[in-house]
PDB file of N, CA and C in Angstrom:
ATOM      1  N   MET A   1      86.698  90.991  70.431  1.00  0.00           N
ATOM      2  CA  MET A   1      87.878  92.159  69.978  1.00  0.00           C
ATOM      3  C   MET A   1      87.356  93.028  69.523  1.00  0.00           C
ATOM      4  N   PRO A   2      87.976  94.806  69.355  1.00  0.00           N
ATOM      5  CA  PRO A   2      86.972  95.367  69.156  1.00  0.00           C
ATOM      6  C   PRO A   2      87.391  95.625  67.451  1.00  0.00           C
ATOM      7  N   VAL A   3      87.092  96.968  66.576  1.00  0.00           N
ATOM      8  CA  VAL A   3      87.641  97.419  65.710  1.00  0.00           C
ATOM      9  C   VAL A   3      89.124  98.168  65.307  1.00  0.00           C
ATOM     10  N   PHE A   4      89.631  98.128  64.575  1.00  0.00           N
ATOM     11  CA  PHE A   4      91.285  98.848  64.751  1.00  0.00           C
ATOM     12  C   PHE A   4      91.230  99.274  63.578  1.00  0.00           C
ATOM     13  N   GLN A   5      91.469 101.064  63.662  1.00  0.00           N
ATOM     14  CA  GLN A   5      92.426 101.426  61.665  1.00  0.00           C
ATOM     15  C   GLN A   5      93.879 101.159  62.001  1.00  0.00           C
ATOM     16  N   ILE A   6      94.033 100.610  60.821  1.00  0.00           N
ATOM     17  CA  ILE A   6      95.274 100.219  60.307  1.00  0.00           C
ATOM     18  C   ILE A   6      96.476 101.274  59.718  1.00  0.00           C
ATOM     19  N   LYS A   7      97.514 101.087  59.554  1.00  0.00           N
ATOM     20  CA  LYS A   7      97.632 102.034  58.955  1.00  0.00           C
ATOM     21  C   LYS A   7      99.054 100.788  58.189  1.00  0.00           C
ATOM     22  N   LEU A   8      98.946 100.736  56.602  1.00  0.00           N
ATOM     23  CA  LEU A   8      99.033 100.236  56.725  1.00  0.00           C
ATOM     24  C   LEU A   8     100.051 100.560  54.777  1.00  0.00           C
ATOM     25  N   LYS A   9     101.491 100.090  55.509  1.00  0.00           N
ATOM     26  CA  LYS A   9     101.690 101.218  53.674  1.00  0.00           C
ATOM     27  C   LYS A   9     102.721 100.550  52.506  1.00  0.00           C
ATOM     28  N   MET A  10     102.701 101.086  51.554  1.00  0.00           N
ATOM     29  CA  MET A  10     102.828  99.709  50.481  1.00  0.00           C
ATOM     30  C   MET A  10     103.947 100.734  49.488  1.00  0.00           C
ATOM     31  N   LEU A  11     105.044 100.371  49.447  1.00  0.00           N
ATOM     32  CA  LEU A  11     105.923 101.727  49.030  1.00  0.00           C
ATOM     33  C   LEU A  11     106.810 103.002  49.596  1.00  0.00           C
ATOM     34  N   LYS A  12     106.033 103.754  48.916  1.00  0.00           N
ATOM     35  CA  LYS A  12     106.047 104.940  49.414  1.00  0.00           C
ATOM     36  C   LYS A  12     104.414 105.588  49.887  1.00  0.00           C
ATOM     37  N   GLU A  13     103.405 104.920  50.007  1.00  0.00           N
ATOM     38  CA  GLU A  13     102.381 105.030  49.845  1.00  0.00           C
ATOM     39  C   GLU A  13     101.980 104.661  50.982  1.00  0.00           C
ATOM     40  N   MET A  14     101.327 105.743  51.857  1.00  0.00           N
ATOM     41  CA  MET A  14     100.729 104.838  53.098  1.00  0.00           C
ATOM     42  C   MET A  14      99.175 105.327  52.993  1.00  0.00           C
ATOM     43  N   TYR A  15      98.515 104.049  53.604  1.00  0.00           N
ATOM     44  CA  TYR A  15      97.170 103.817  53.092  1.00  0.00           C
ATOM     45  C   TYR A  15      96.417 103.634  54.997  1.00  0.00           C
ATOM     46  N   HIS A  16      94.723 103.672  54.970  1.00  0.00           N
ATOM     47  CA  HIS A  16      94.108 103.952  56.299  1.00  0.00           C
ATOM     48  C   HIS A  16      93.256 102.562  56.444  1.00  0.00           C
ATOM     49  N   ILE A  17      92.942 101.665  56.885  1.00  0.00           N
ATOM     50  CA  ILE A  17      92.849 100.428  56.716  1.00  0.00           C
ATOM     51  C   ILE A  17      92.062 100.067  58.029  1.00  0.00           C
ATOM     52  N   GLU A  18      90.596  99.395  57.459  1.00  0.00           N
ATOM     53  CA  GLU A  18      90.136  99.191  59.149  1.00  0.00           C
ATOM     54  C   GLU A  18      90.530  97.521  59.036  1.00  0.00           C
ATOM     55  N   LEU A  19      90.332  97.419  60.031  1.00  0.00           N
ATOM     56  CA  LEU A  19      90.883  95.669  60.559  1.00  0.00           C
ATOM     57  C   LEU A  19      90.130  95.119  61.703  1.00  0.00           C
ATOM     58  N   ASN A  20      88.700  94.705  61.404  1.00  0.00           N
ATOM     59  CA  ASN A  20      88.109  94.034  62.700  1.00  0.00           C
ATOM     60  C   ASN A  20      88.121  92.301  62.830  1.00  0.00           C
ATOM     61  N   SER A  21      88.704  91.767  63.866  1.00  0.00           N
ATOM     62  CA  SER A  21      89.446  91.545  64.625  1.00  0.00           C
ATOM     63  C   SER A  21      88.084  90.283  64.939  1.00  0.00           C
ATOM     64  N   GLU A  22      87.044  90.784  64.692  1.00  0.00           N
ATOM     65  CA  GLU A  22      86.095  89.702  64.965  1.00  0.00           C
ATOM     66  C   GLU A  22      85.700  88.695  63.818  1.00  0.00           C
ATOM     67  N   GLU A  23      86.351  89.380  62.458  1.00  0.00           N
ATOM     68  CA  GLU A  23      86.073  88.732  60.864  1.00  0.00           C
ATOM     69  C   GLU A  23      87.417  87.779  60.501  1.00  0.00           C
ATOM     70  N   HIS A  24      87.214  87.737  59.090  1.00  0.00           N
ATOM     71  CA  HIS A  24      88.016  86.401  58.728  1.00  0.00           C
ATOM     72  C   HIS A  24      89.085  87.123  58.549  1.00  0.00           C
ATOM     73  N   PRO A  25      90.099  86.874  58.246  1.00  0.00           N
ATOM     74  CA  PRO A  25      91.743  87.210  58.095  1.00  0.00           C
ATOM     75  C   PRO A  25      91.590  87.770  56.823  1.00  0.00           C
ATOM     76  N   LEU A  26      90.929  86.947  55.990  1.00  0.00           N
ATOM     77  CA  LEU A  26      90.971  86.926  54.488  1.00  0.00           C
ATOM     78  C   LEU A  26      90.094  88.430  54.458  1.00  0.00           C
ATOM     79  N   LYS A  27      89.256  88.491  54.864  1.00  0.00           N
ATOM     80  CA  LYS A  27      88.090  89.899  54.702  1.00  0.00           C
ATOM     81  C   LYS A  27      88.944  91.287  54.982  1.00  0.00           C
ATOM     82  N   PHE A  28      89.845  91.506  55.292  1.00  0.00           N
ATOM     83  CA  PHE A  28      91.122  92.211  55.352  1.00  0.00           C
ATOM     84  C   PHE A  28      91.942  92.061  54.508  1.00  0.00           C
ATOM     85  N   ARG A  29      92.729  91.306  54.442  1.00  0.00           N
ATOM     86  CA  ARG A  29      93.159  90.697  52.719  1.00  0.00           C
ATOM     87  C   ARG A  29      91.957  91.803  51.641  1.00  0.00           C
ATOM     88  N   GLU A  30      91.466  91.245  51.833  1.00  0.00           N
ATOM     89  CA  GLU A  30      90.050  91.882  50.431  1.00  0.00           C
ATOM     90  C   GLU A  30      90.299  93.754  50.119  1.00  0.00           C
ATOM     91  N   ALA A  31      90.065  93.910  51.298  1.00  0.00           N
ATOM     92  CA  ALA A  31      90.017  95.468  51.858  1.00  0.00           C
ATOM     93  C   ALA A  31      91.531  96.016  51.723  1.00  0.00           C
ATOM     94  N   ILE A  32      93.127  95.336  51.195  1.00  0.00           N
ATOM     95  CA  ILE A  32      93.650  95.275  51.411  1.00  0.00           C
ATOM     96  C   ILE A  32      93.708  95.910  49.932  1.00  0.00           C
ATOM     97  N   GLU A  33      93.378  94.759  48.771  1.00  0.00           N
ATOM     98  CA  GLU A  33      93.032  94.334  47.651  1.00  0.00           C
ATOM     99  C   GLU A  33      92.008  96.114  47.028  1.00  0.00           C
ATOM    100  N   ALA A  34      91.251  96.166  48.026  1.00  0.00           N
ATOM    101  CA  ALA A  34      90.548  97.428  48.040  1.00  0.00           C
ATOM    102  C   ALA A  34      91.067  98.711  47.742  1.00  0.00           C
ATOM    103  N   ALA A  35      91.968  98.613  48.572  1.00  0.00           N
ATOM    104  CA  ALA A  35      92.352 100.479  48.376  1.00  0.00           C
ATOM    105  C   ALA A  35      93.867 100.652  47.208  1.00  0.00           C
ATOM    106  N   THR A  36      95.017  98.940  47.935  1.00  0.00           N
ATOM    107  CA  THR A  36      95.692  98.911  46.777  1.00  0.00           C
ATOM    108  C   THR A  36      96.170  98.386  45.341  1.00  0.00           C
ATOM    109  N   CYS A  37      94.888  97.316  45.182  1.00  0.00           N
ATOM    110  CA  CYS A  37      94.442  96.769  43.953  1.00  0.00           C
ATOM    111  C   CYS A  37      95.948  96.111  43.623  1.00  0.00           C
ATOM    112  N   MET A  38      96.625  95.559  44.781  1.00  0.00           N
ATOM    113  CA  MET A  38      96.968  94.061  45.036  1.00  0.00           C
ATOM    114  C   MET A  38      96.635  93.303  45.173  1.00  0.00           C
ATOM    115  N   ALA A  39      96.313  92.039  43.727  1.00  0.00           N
ATOM    116  CA  ALA A  39      95.887  90.798  44.029  1.00  0.00           C
ATOM    117  C   ALA A  39      96.061  89.940  45.834  1.00  0.00           C
ATOM    118  N   VAL A  40      94.784  89.300  46.139  1.00  0.00           N
ATOM    119  CA  VAL A  40      95.436  88.659  47.594  1.00  0.00           C
ATOM    120  C   VAL A  40      96.470  88.815  47.834  1.00  0.00           C
ATOM    121  N   SER A  41      96.072  86.907  46.408  1.00  0.00           N
ATOM    122  CA  SER A  41      97.173  85.983  46.293  1.00  0.00           C
ATOM    123  C   SER A  41      98.655  86.910  46.333  1.00  0.00           C
ATOM    124  N   SER A  42      99.295  87.795  46.139  1.00  0.00           N
ATOM    125  CA  SER A  42     100.498  88.253  45.806  1.00  0.00           C
ATOM    126  C   SER A  42     100.698  89.033  47.157  1.00  0.00           C
ATOM    127  N   GLN A  43      99.576  89.540  48.361  1.00  0.00           N
ATOM    128  CA  GLN A  43     100.151  90.474  49.556  1.00  0.00           C
ATOM    129  C   GLN A  43     100.832  89.416  49.942  1.00  0.00           C
ATOM    130  N   ARG A  44     101.943  90.438  50.214  1.00  0.00           N
ATOM    131  CA  ARG A  44     103.005  89.580  52.119  1.00  0.00           C
ATOM    132  C   ARG A  44     102.532  90.893  52.315  1.00  0.00           C
ATOM    133  N   ILE A  45     101.733  90.524  53.458  1.00  0.00           N
ATOM    134  CA  ILE A  45     102.322  91.844  54.775  1.00  0.00           C
ATOM    135  C   ILE A  45     102.947  91.219  56.078  1.00  0.00           C
ATOM    136  N   LYS A  46     103.894  92.359  56.734  1.00  0.00           N
ATOM    137  CA  LYS A  46     104.361  92.258  56.971  1.00  0.00           C
ATOM    138  C   LYS A  46     103.530  92.751  58.609  1.00  0.00           C
ATOM    139  N   CYS A  47     104.212  92.696  60.182  1.00  0.00           N
ATOM    140  CA  CYS A  47     103.300  93.410  61.346  1.00  0.00           C
ATOM    141  C   CYS A  47     104.333  92.897  62.282  1.00  0.00           C
ATOM    142  N   LYS A  48     105.140  93.265  63.205  1.00  0.00           N
ATOM    143  CA  LYS A  48     106.464  93.716  63.717  1.00  0.00           C
ATOM    144  C   LYS A  48     107.292  92.510  63.651  1.00  0.00           C
ATOM    145  N   GLY A  49     107.690  92.964  62.402  1.00  0.00           N
ATOM    146  CA  GLY A  49     108.719  91.797  61.904  1.00  0.00           C
ATOM    147  C   GLY A  49     108.058  90.597  61.131  1.00  0.00           C
ATOM    148  N   LYS A  50     107.145  90.241  61.582  1.00  0.00           N
ATOM    149  CA  LYS A  50     106.764  89.344  61.263  1.00  0.00           C
ATOM    150  C   LYS A  50     106.197  88.711  60.013  1.00  0.00           C
ATOM    151  N   LEU A  51     105.939  88.017  59.225  1.00  0.00           N
ATOM    152  CA  LEU A  51     105.179  87.737  57.997  1.00  0.00           C
ATOM    153  C   LEU A  51     103.475  87.262  58.518  1.00  0.00           C
ATOM    154  N   VAL A  52     103.043  87.867  57.985  1.00  0.00           N
ATOM    155  CA  VAL A  52     101.591  87.204  58.769  1.00  0.00           C
ATOM    156  C   VAL A  52     101.008  86.014  57.970  1.00  0.00           C
ATOM    157  N   PRO A  53     100.751  84.504  57.549  1.00  0.00           N
ATOM    158  CA  PRO A  53     100.556  84.122  56.995  1.00  0.00           C
ATOM    159  C   PRO A  53      99.488  84.451  56.393  1.00  0.00           C
ATOM    160  N   ALA A  54      99.035  83.672  54.789  1.00  0.00           N
ATOM    161  CA  ALA A  54      97.847  84.228  54.481  1.00  0.00           C
ATOM    162  C   ALA A  54      97.274  82.864  54.974  1.00  0.00           C
ATOM    163  N   ASP A  55      97.402  81.935  55.161  1.00  0.00           N
ATOM    164  CA  ASP A  55      96.324  80.786  55.884  1.00  0.00           C
ATOM    165  C   ASP A  55      96.155  81.682  56.785  1.00  0.00           C
ATOM    166  N   LEU A  56      96.442  82.151  57.476  1.00  0.00           N
ATOM    167  CA  LEU A  56      95.200  82.624  58.564  1.00  0.00           C
ATOM    168  C   LEU A  56      93.722  82.250  59.236  1.00  0.00           C
ATOM    169  N   GLU A  57      94.080  81.856  60.391  1.00  0.00           N
ATOM    170  CA  GLU A  57      91.720  81.587  60.194  1.00  0.00           C
ATOM    171  C   GLU A  57      91.556  82.735  60.826  1.00  0.00           C
ATOM    172  N   ASN A  58      92.125  83.482  62.615  1.00  0.00           N
ATOM    173  CA  ASN A  58      92.122  84.403  63.212  1.00  0.00           C
ATOM    174  C   ASN A  58      93.432  84.843  63.596  1.00  0.00           C
ATOM    175  N   TRP A  59      92.501  86.262  64.701  1.00  0.00           N
ATOM    176  CA  TRP A  59      93.286  87.230  65.082  1.00  0.00           C
ATOM    177  C   TRP A  59      93.839  86.816  66.517  1.00  0.00           C
ATOM    178  N   ASP A  60      93.559  85.582  66.373  1.00  0.00           N
ATOM    179  CA  ASP A  60      93.545  85.395  68.215  1.00  0.00           C
ATOM    180  C   ASP A  60      95.009  85.249  68.179  1.00  0.00           C
ATOM    181  N   ASP A  61      96.740  85.170  67.190  1.00  0.00           N
ATOM    182  CA  ASP A  61      97.230  85.322  67.827  1.00  0.00           C
ATOM    183  C   ASP A  61      98.054  86.536  67.424  1.00  0.00           C
ATOM    184  N   TYR A  62      97.345  87.563  67.038  1.00  0.00           N
ATOM    185  CA  TYR A  62      97.911  88.859  67.156  1.00  0.00           C
ATOM    186  C   TYR A  62      97.148  89.643  67.797  1.00  0.00           C
ATOM    187  N   LYS A  63      96.013  88.731  69.571  1.00  0.00           N
ATOM    188  CA  LYS A  63      95.259  90.170  69.403  1.00  0.00           C
ATOM    189  C   LYS A  63      95.730  91.043  70.226  1.00  0.00           C
ATOM    190  N   GLU A  64      97.239  90.690  71.234  1.00  0.00           N
ATOM    191  CA  GLU A  64      98.476  91.438  71.986  1.00  0.00           C
ATOM    192  C   GLU A  64      98.759  92.685  70.593  1.00  0.00           C
ATOM    193  N   ILE A  65      99.095  92.460  69.158  1.00  0.00           N
ATOM    194  CA  ILE A  65      99.660  93.417  68.937  1.00  0.00           C
ATOM    195  C   ILE A  65      98.312  94.276  67.988  1.00  0.00           C
ATOM    196  N   LEU A  66      97.416  94.403  68.087  1.00  0.00           N
ATOM    197  CA  LEU A  66      96.627  95.062  67.856  1.00  0.00           C
ATOM    198  C   LEU A  66      96.383  96.532  68.416  1.00  0.00           C
ATOM    199  N   VAL A  67      96.334  97.251  67.609  1.00  0.00           N
ATOM    200  CA  VAL A  67      96.462  98.570  68.626  1.00  0.00           C
ATOM    201  C   VAL A  67      95.758  99.634  67.373  1.00  0.00           C
ATOM    202  N   ASP A  68      94.524 100.083  67.977  1.00  0.00           N
ATOM    203  CA  ASP A  68      94.260 101.583  66.512  1.00  0.00           C
ATOM    204  C   ASP A  68      95.792 102.339  65.987  1.00  0.00           C
ATOM    205  N   GLY A  69      96.391 102.352  64.832  1.00  0.00           N
ATOM    206  CA  GLY A  69      97.309 103.376  64.180  1.00  0.00           C
ATOM    207  C   GLY A  69      98.735 102.407  64.029  1.00  0.00           C
ATOM    208  N   LEU A  70      98.486 100.579  64.214  1.00  0.00           N
ATOM    209  CA  LEU A  70      99.594  99.598  64.113  1.00  0.00           C
ATOM    210  C   LEU A  70     100.219  99.656  62.515  1.00  0.00           C
ATOM    211  N   LEU A  71     101.084  99.616  63.281  1.00  0.00           N
ATOM    212  CA  LEU A  71     101.585  99.999  60.943  1.00  0.00           C
ATOM    213  C   LEU A  71     101.720  98.486  60.708  1.00  0.00           C
ATOM    214  N   MET A  72     101.430  97.955  59.765  1.00  0.00           N
ATOM    215  CA  MET A  72     101.559  96.840  58.542  1.00  0.00           C
ATOM    216  C   MET A  72     102.244  97.434  57.214  1.00  0.00           C
ATOM    217  N   MET A  73     102.965  96.269  57.281  1.00  0.00           N
ATOM    218  CA  MET A  73     103.636  96.764  55.821  1.00  0.00           C
ATOM    219  C   MET A  73     103.159  95.687  54.970  1.00  0.00           C
ATOM    220  N   ILE A  74     103.196  95.606  53.043  1.00  0.00           N
ATOM    221  CA  ILE A  74     103.017  95.445  52.325  1.00  0.00           C
ATOM    222  C   ILE A  74     104.744  95.443  52.123  1.00  0.00           C
ATOM    223  N   MET A  75     104.990  93.604  51.162  1.00  0.00           N
ATOM    224  CA  MET A  75     106.288  93.831  50.822  1.00  0.00           C
ATOM    225  C   MET A  75     105.735  93.466  49.113  1.00  0.00           C
ATOM    226  N   MET A  76     106.609  93.371  48.560  1.00  0.00           N
ATOM    227  CA  MET A  76     106.346  93.678  46.966  1.00  0.00           C
ATOM    228  C   MET A  76     107.350  92.605  46.794  1.00  0.00           C
TER     229      MET A  76
END
């Protein structure tokens, strides 16, 4: 699977983060931490009405959902 540009909304701020679906999801969470200064352990990411599990091993379950410009949200 390829690399996607994801829109990430946190409160009123919008971030554009790259998601490589071949890498471990922890790398995506680390990229979020670098952009938002929110610790990986505190992130609750919501995608298409579902929470993305913190212990997700790969993106296989989300391959139908992942597209360029997908909006994900961080809940505080």
